[in-house]
Amino acid sequence: MRFGRVFAVAAAASLALAGCAGGSSSSGSGDSSTLKIGFMGDLTGENSGIVIPPRNGAKLAIDEYNKTNPATKLELKEYDSQGKPEQATSLIATAVGQDKITALIGPAFSGESKAIGGQLEQNKIPSVSPSATNAGLSSNGWKYWHRVVASDASQGPAIANFLITAKSPKKAYIISDDQEYSVGLADNFEKTLKEKNVPSERDKFAKDASDYSSTVQKVKAANPDIILFGGYYAQGGRLLKQLRDGGVTATFATGDGSLDAQLVSGAGAAAAEKAVVGCPCNIPDAGSTDEFSTKYKAAFNVDPAIYSSEGYDAATAIINAVKSGANTSEKINEALKTIDFKGASKQIKFKENGEPSTDAINIYQVTGGVLKNLGVSTEAKLNG
C-alpha cells in the first residue's frame, strides 16, 4: 500500500511538472550568471547522519568554485526529504517548478531516487547521487541519472564474499526491513550466498517497527555463523542490540546505510564490537592530513564521514560541466558524458547508463567502539 501511494503521488506530480518542463530544461538560461543546483536527502530524519556529510561535501565544492569568481556562479538549494519517497515527490515539484533548479545532487537514498527519477527524466534535469546504491536504478533507461558510487550489485556480493572467505560459514541468516535499499541489498546477499552454496534463511520486518523479537527468535533457532543485514543504522543499531541481548553471537555484517557511529551508539559499544560494515566509499582515517580532509575539517570542524568525498565529487562533476560552458540542464547532461577526473573519492567517470566506472567496496569493522577502515574487500582482514 505504501508504495502504491508513493507512485500515485509521483504520477500526479509528473503531470503538474510537465507543464513547466520547457522552462526547467533551460533553467538559468534567462540569467546564466547564477544557476541553482539542488541537493536532496534526509537532512533532519533518523538517518540524516549519512546524508549531512555528502551535503557538506557538495557545499564545500560549490563554495570553493564560487570563490574563484566564475562567470557562472552556482547556488545550492537544499531539499530535506527525510529519506521519505513521498516527501521527495512533493519536494521535486517545488525544486523544478518553482525554484527551477538546473541540476540535482542526489537523491541520497534509493527509495526516493526511484520515486522521482521519472520526474527528473521527464523534465530533463540531470542528477548525480553521492550515495543511492539500489542496483535497479540504472535499469530504468534514464538518460539524466548518474551516481558516483558502486551499486548493491557490487556491494552485496563483495560483503558476502568477504565474510565467506574470512569466516567459512556453514549457514547464514539474511535480514532486511521493507525499504527499497534494504530489500535490494538483502537480495544481493542472498544471490551471492546461493552461488557460493552457503545455506541461508531470511526474514523481514517493517521499517517503523521497534520490537524485533520475532526475528531474533528465528535467527536464534537457525543458529547461523554469519548474519547479513540490509538496512540503515537507525534500524541496524536496534537490531544488533536485540540480537545480542537475545544471545545471538554470530558475526553481524551490514552495508553502507549503517556506516555511521550511530550504529555503535544504537546497539551499545559491547553489542556492536566486531560488527562488519561494507561501503562503496573510502572514508579517510580520523585526523588524516590529505588535501580533502584538511579542507573539509577547516570548513565544518569535523573529520570527513561517510560519503563526504562522494558528495564533493558529485558536485564537482556538475561544476566541471559548467566550467566547460554548459549553462542549461540539457547542456550539463551532455557534458557529464565526457566527465573524467581524479576525485576526492576515486576517478570519476560515468558509463552510458549513469553508473560509475569503478566499483571498489571497502570493509569497515567496529574495533574498540570505533569504525575502522580495513581496506578494499578483496584484501581486507578481520580483526578477530
Foldseek 3Di string as FASTA:
>chain_A
DLVVVLQVLLVVLLVVLLVCLVDLQFACVVPQQEAEEEEEEACPAPLNQQVVLLVLLLVLLLVVVVVVVDSHHYHYHYQHQNHDLSSLSVVVSCVCVPVSHQAYADDAEQSNCVSCVVSCQSSLHAYEYLHYAQPCSLVPPRLRYAYQAHHLLQFLLLQLVLCCVAPVKQEEEEEEEPGRQFVRNSVNVVVNCVVVVRHYYYDYHHPPDQDPVVVLVVCVVVLTQEYETGAALSNLLSVLLVNVVSVRDHAYEYEDNHQDLSSCVSNDVVSQAFHKYKYRWDFDDFPDDPPVQVSSCVVPVGGRGNSNQSSNVRSVLLVVQVVVPDRGNNSSSVSLQVQFAQTPTGTAHADSSNYGPDHWMWMWTQHPSDTDTQGTSVDGHGPD
